[in-house]
Amino acid sequence: MEEKPGAPAEQPTQIETPQPAATPKPPKKSKGWVFGVVGVVVLAVIITSIVLMLGDTTGMTSKIRDVFIIFLALESLIIGIALVILVVQISLLINLLQNEIKPILETTTDTINTLKGTTTFISSNLAEPVIKMNEYLAGLKKLIDLLFVTKR
């Protein structure tokens, strides 16, 4: 660009770029989908076995009984696994409480006790003498004001 004498210089324009709004982080996805997939598979196996049994009419009752026994065995297995996981999680929680939280609480209690002692010391050795000195100085000022009455 060529500038002409006497012409005002062009100011560079600033383009404001909008800042993206702070988006909250999505919560961590739970592992509930695993249980959903297992449930769908078990349900598919049950439906498949019932359809196959319906094709053969002889001994239908015993086959349905056998399917339900297998279903109950699988359910017992899943409940047993869930209980083992629950026991492991509880033991991890107890370990966390004993080895990490308890020492933190003990240290915090010690710190609070130290702080109480420090405030008591400062109160008796610093604050009280300063307050007494201020009382005496206020009394002395009042005495001087009474002795030397001045017009204001």
C-alpha atoms as a PDB file:
ATOM      1  CA  MET A   1       0.000   0.000   0.000  1.00  0.00           C
ATOM      2  CA  GLU A   2       1.140   3.476  -0.768  1.00  0.00           C
ATOM      3  CA  GLU A   3       0.639   6.211   1.787  1.00  0.00           C
ATOM      4  CA  LYS A   4      -0.365   9.700   0.671  1.00  0.00           C
ATOM      5  CA  PRO A   5       1.040  12.647   2.534  1.00  0.00           C
ATOM      6  CA  GLY A   6      -1.504  14.200   4.845  1.00  0.00           C
ATOM      7  CA  ALA A   7      -3.743  11.125   4.790  1.00  0.00           C
ATOM      8  CA  PRO A   8      -4.329   9.481   8.123  1.00  0.00           C
ATOM      9  CA  ALA A   9      -2.600   6.177   8.559  1.00  0.00           C
ATOM     10  CA  GLU A  10      -4.853   3.159   8.632  1.00  0.00           C
ATOM     11  CA  GLN A  11      -5.182   1.468  11.954  1.00  0.00           C
ATOM     12  CA  PRO A  12      -4.812  -2.291  11.846  1.00  0.00           C
ATOM     13  CA  THR A  13      -8.079  -3.872  12.810  1.00  0.00           C
ATOM     14  CA  GLN A  14      -8.060  -6.377  15.569  1.00  0.00           C
ATOM     15  CA  ILE A  15     -10.286  -9.315  15.056  1.00  0.00           C
ATOM     16  CA  GLU A  16     -11.582 -10.677  18.313  1.00  0.00           C
ATOM     17  CA  THR A  17     -11.837 -14.380  18.229  1.00  0.00           C
ATOM     18  CA  PRO A  18     -14.552 -15.658  20.510  1.00  0.00           C
ATOM     19  CA  GLN A  19     -13.229 -17.865  23.245  1.00  0.00           C
ATOM     20  CA  PRO A  20     -14.980 -21.201  23.391  1.00  0.00           C
ATOM     21  CA  ALA A  21     -17.115 -21.552  26.476  1.00  0.00           C
ATOM     22  CA  ALA A  22     -15.615 -23.780  29.094  1.00  0.00           C
ATOM     23  CA  THR A  23     -17.359 -27.068  28.612  1.00  0.00           C
ATOM     24  CA  PRO A  24     -17.611 -29.322  31.634  1.00  0.00           C
ATOM     25  CA  LYS A  25     -15.765 -32.559  31.335  1.00  0.00           C
ATOM     26  CA  PRO A  26     -18.106 -35.459  30.761  1.00  0.00           C
ATOM     27  CA  PRO A  27     -18.298 -37.841  33.699  1.00  0.00           C
ATOM     28  CA  LYS A  28     -16.376 -41.056  33.390  1.00  0.00           C
ATOM     29  CA  LYS A  29     -18.418 -43.790  31.848  1.00  0.00           C
ATOM     30  CA  SER A  30     -19.252 -46.583  34.195  1.00  0.00           C
ATOM     31  CA  LYS A  31     -18.675 -50.191  33.353  1.00  0.00           C
ATOM     32  CA  GLY A  32     -22.380 -50.912  33.379  1.00  0.00           C
ATOM     33  CA  TRP A  33     -22.223 -51.707  29.687  1.00  0.00           C
ATOM     34  CA  VAL A  34     -20.274 -54.891  30.520  1.00  0.00           C
ATOM     35  CA  PHE A  35     -23.154 -56.148  32.632  1.00  0.00           C
ATOM     36  CA  GLY A  36     -25.552 -55.169  29.851  1.00  0.00           C
ATOM     37  CA  VAL A  37     -23.614 -57.194  27.271  1.00  0.00           C
ATOM     38  CA  VAL A  38     -23.449 -60.211  29.592  1.00  0.00           C
ATOM     39  CA  GLY A  39     -27.190 -59.911  30.234  1.00  0.00           C
ATOM     40  CA  VAL A  40     -27.957 -59.757  26.500  1.00  0.00           C
ATOM     41  CA  VAL A  41     -25.785 -62.823  25.815  1.00  0.00           C
ATOM     42  CA  VAL A  42     -27.438 -64.826  28.602  1.00  0.00           C
ATOM     43  CA  LEU A  43     -30.872 -63.767  27.381  1.00  0.00           C
ATOM     44  CA  ALA A  44     -29.961 -64.770  23.804  1.00  0.00           C
ATOM     45  CA  VAL A  45     -28.786 -68.195  25.003  1.00  0.00           C
ATOM     46  CA  ILE A  46     -32.012 -68.719  26.939  1.00  0.00           C
ATOM     47  CA  ILE A  47     -34.216 -67.670  24.015  1.00  0.00           C
ATOM     48  CA  THR A  48     -32.249 -69.848  21.601  1.00  0.00           C
ATOM     49  CA  SER A  49     -32.483 -72.888  23.844  1.00  0.00           C
ATOM     50  CA  ILE A  50     -36.254 -72.381  24.346  1.00  0.00           C
ATOM     51  CA  VAL A  51     -36.813 -72.077  20.580  1.00  0.00           C
ATOM     52  CA  LEU A  52     -34.809 -75.243  19.947  1.00  0.00           C
ATOM     53  CA  MET A  53     -36.750 -77.127  22.602  1.00  0.00           C
ATOM     54  CA  LEU A  54     -40.108 -76.015  21.238  1.00  0.00           C
ATOM     55  CA  GLY A  55     -39.333 -77.855  18.022  1.00  0.00           C
ATOM     56  CA  ASP A  56     -39.316 -81.191  19.871  1.00  0.00           C
ATOM     57  CA  THR A  57     -42.516 -81.866  21.796  1.00  0.00           C
ATOM     58  CA  THR A  58     -41.379 -85.034  23.557  1.00  0.00           C
ATOM     59  CA  GLY A  59     -40.012 -84.430  27.035  1.00  0.00           C
ATOM     60  CA  MET A  60     -40.668 -80.668  26.852  1.00  0.00           C
ATOM     61  CA  THR A  61     -41.109 -80.307  30.598  1.00  0.00           C
ATOM     62  CA  SER A  62     -37.782 -81.910  31.422  1.00  0.00           C
ATOM     63  CA  LYS A  63     -35.981 -79.747  28.860  1.00  0.00           C
ATOM     64  CA  ILE A  64     -37.540 -76.533  30.187  1.00  0.00           C
ATOM     65  CA  ARG A  65     -36.590 -77.643  33.702  1.00  0.00           C
ATOM     66  CA  ASP A  66     -33.000 -78.267  32.559  1.00  0.00           C
ATOM     67  CA  VAL A  67     -32.818 -74.804  30.936  1.00  0.00           C
ATOM     68  CA  PHE A  68     -34.019 -73.132  34.119  1.00  0.00           C
ATOM     69  CA  ILE A  69     -31.512 -75.131  36.191  1.00  0.00           C
ATOM     70  CA  ILE A  70     -28.731 -73.949  33.888  1.00  0.00           C
ATOM     71  CA  PHE A  71     -30.065 -70.391  34.101  1.00  0.00           C
ATOM     72  CA  LEU A  72     -30.081 -70.527  37.915  1.00  0.00           C
ATOM     73  CA  ALA A  73     -26.548 -71.946  37.916  1.00  0.00           C
ATOM     74  CA  LEU A  74     -25.337 -69.087  35.707  1.00  0.00           C
ATOM     75  CA  GLU A  75     -27.128 -66.592  37.925  1.00  0.00           C
ATOM     76  CA  SER A  76     -25.490 -68.095  41.016  1.00  0.00           C
ATOM     77  CA  LEU A  77     -22.121 -67.872  39.290  1.00  0.00           C
ATOM     78  CA  ILE A  78     -22.648 -64.191  38.436  1.00  0.00           C
ATOM     79  CA  ILE A  79     -23.792 -63.410  41.989  1.00  0.00           C
ATOM     80  CA  GLY A  80     -20.736 -65.221  43.380  1.00  0.00           C
ATOM     81  CA  ILE A  81     -18.396 -63.206  41.161  1.00  0.00           C
ATOM     82  CA  ALA A  82     -20.151 -59.981  42.187  1.00  0.00           C
ATOM     83  CA  LEU A  83     -19.735 -60.903  45.864  1.00  0.00           C
ATOM     84  CA  VAL A  84     -16.017 -61.600  45.375  1.00  0.00           C
ATOM     85  CA  ILE A  85     -15.598 -58.217  43.672  1.00  0.00           C
ATOM     86  CA  LEU A  86     -17.528 -56.571  46.510  1.00  0.00           C
ATOM     87  CA  VAL A  87     -15.299 -58.177  49.151  1.00  0.00           C
ATOM     88  CA  VAL A  88     -12.160 -57.070  47.282  1.00  0.00           C
ATOM     89  CA  GLN A  89     -13.470 -53.504  47.009  1.00  0.00           C
ATOM     90  CA  ILE A  90     -14.334 -53.409  50.714  1.00  0.00           C
ATOM     91  CA  SER A  91     -10.852 -54.661  51.611  1.00  0.00           C
ATOM     92  CA  LEU A  92      -9.303 -51.963  49.406  1.00  0.00           C
ATOM     93  CA  LEU A  93     -11.472 -49.339  51.115  1.00  0.00           C
ATOM     94  CA  ILE A  94     -10.432 -50.548  54.566  1.00  0.00           C
ATOM     95  CA  ASN A  95      -6.780 -50.484  53.492  1.00  0.00           C
ATOM     96  CA  LEU A  96      -7.218 -46.927  52.194  1.00  0.00           C
ATOM     97  CA  LEU A  97      -8.832 -45.796  55.437  1.00  0.00           C
ATOM     98  CA  GLN A  98      -6.187 -47.392  57.645  1.00  0.00           C
ATOM     99  CA  ASN A  99      -3.054 -46.477  55.708  1.00  0.00           C
ATOM    100  CA  GLU A 100      -3.875 -43.114  54.144  1.00  0.00           C
ATOM    101  CA  ILE A 101      -6.833 -41.372  55.758  1.00  0.00           C
ATOM    102  CA  LYS A 102      -6.013 -42.228  59.388  1.00  0.00           C
ATOM    103  CA  PRO A 103      -2.447 -40.796  59.273  1.00  0.00           C
ATOM    104  CA  ILE A 104      -3.756 -37.644  57.592  1.00  0.00           C
ATOM    105  CA  LEU A 105      -6.333 -37.202  60.357  1.00  0.00           C
ATOM    106  CA  GLU A 106      -3.704 -37.791  63.049  1.00  0.00           C
ATOM    107  CA  THR A 107      -1.371 -35.222  61.484  1.00  0.00           C
ATOM    108  CA  THR A 108      -4.241 -32.747  61.214  1.00  0.00           C
ATOM    109  CA  THR A 109      -5.102 -33.264  64.890  1.00  0.00           C
ATOM    110  CA  ASP A 110      -1.469 -32.670  65.877  1.00  0.00           C
ATOM    111  CA  THR A 111      -1.381 -29.507  63.784  1.00  0.00           C
ATOM    112  CA  ILE A 112      -4.567 -28.197  65.379  1.00  0.00           C
ATOM    113  CA  ASN A 113      -3.205 -28.877  68.865  1.00  0.00           C
ATOM    114  CA  THR A 114       0.021 -27.031  67.992  1.00  0.00           C
ATOM    115  CA  LEU A 115      -2.011 -24.139  66.623  1.00  0.00           C
ATOM    116  CA  LYS A 116      -4.051 -23.981  69.845  1.00  0.00           C
ATOM    117  CA  GLY A 117      -0.843 -23.793  71.887  1.00  0.00           C
ATOM    118  CA  THR A 118       0.577 -21.103  69.627  1.00  0.00           C
ATOM    119  CA  THR A 119      -2.534 -18.942  69.853  1.00  0.00           C
ATOM    120  CA  THR A 120      -2.608 -19.309  73.637  1.00  0.00           C
ATOM    121  CA  PHE A 121       1.058 -18.284  73.852  1.00  0.00           C
ATOM    122  CA  ILE A 122       0.610 -15.278  71.550  1.00  0.00           C
ATOM    123  CA  SER A 123      -2.536 -14.216  73.373  1.00  0.00           C
ATOM    124  CA  SER A 124      -0.922 -14.266  76.806  1.00  0.00           C
ATOM    125  CA  ASN A 125       2.509 -12.904  75.824  1.00  0.00           C
ATOM    126  CA  LEU A 126       1.722 -10.439  73.059  1.00  0.00           C
ATOM    127  CA  ALA A 127      -1.910  -9.456  72.816  1.00  0.00           C
ATOM    128  CA  GLU A 128      -2.622  -8.927  76.516  1.00  0.00           C
ATOM    129  CA  PRO A 129       0.414  -6.633  77.120  1.00  0.00           C
ATOM    130  CA  VAL A 130      -0.441  -4.587  74.010  1.00  0.00           C
ATOM    131  CA  ILE A 131      -4.040  -4.205  75.158  1.00  0.00           C
ATOM    132  CA  LYS A 132      -2.914  -3.150  78.641  1.00  0.00           C
ATOM    133  CA  MET A 133      -0.476  -0.627  77.147  1.00  0.00           C
ATOM    134  CA  ASN A 134      -3.274   0.807  74.980  1.00  0.00           C
ATOM    135  CA  GLU A 135      -5.478   1.093  78.077  1.00  0.00           C
ATOM    136  CA  TYR A 136      -2.775   3.001  79.967  1.00  0.00           C
ATOM    137  CA  LEU A 137      -2.059   5.264  76.978  1.00  0.00           C
ATOM    138  CA  ALA A 138      -5.768   6.034  76.555  1.00  0.00           C
ATOM    139  CA  GLY A 139      -6.016   6.878  80.263  1.00  0.00           C
ATOM    140  CA  LEU A 140      -2.893   9.060  80.062  1.00  0.00           C
ATOM    141  CA  LYS A 141      -4.278  10.875  77.007  1.00  0.00           C
ATOM    142  CA  LYS A 142      -7.560  11.518  78.802  1.00  0.00           C
ATOM    143  CA  LEU A 143      -5.636  12.821  81.843  1.00  0.00           C
ATOM    144  CA  ILE A 144      -3.604  15.169  79.655  1.00  0.00           C
ATOM    145  CA  ASP A 145      -6.778  16.347  77.920  1.00  0.00           C
ATOM    146  CA  LEU A 146      -8.374  17.092  81.288  1.00  0.00           C
ATOM    147  CA  LEU A 147      -5.315  18.893  82.671  1.00  0.00           C
ATOM    148  CA  PHE A 148      -4.634  20.978  79.613  1.00  0.00           C
ATOM    149  CA  VAL A 149      -8.044  21.894  78.343  1.00  0.00           C
ATOM    150  CA  THR A 150      -7.695  23.334  74.884  1.00  0.00           C
ATOM    151  CA  LYS A 151     -10.347  24.808  72.676  1.00  0.00           C
ATOM    152  CA  ARG A 152     -10.804  23.131  69.398  1.00  0.00           C
END
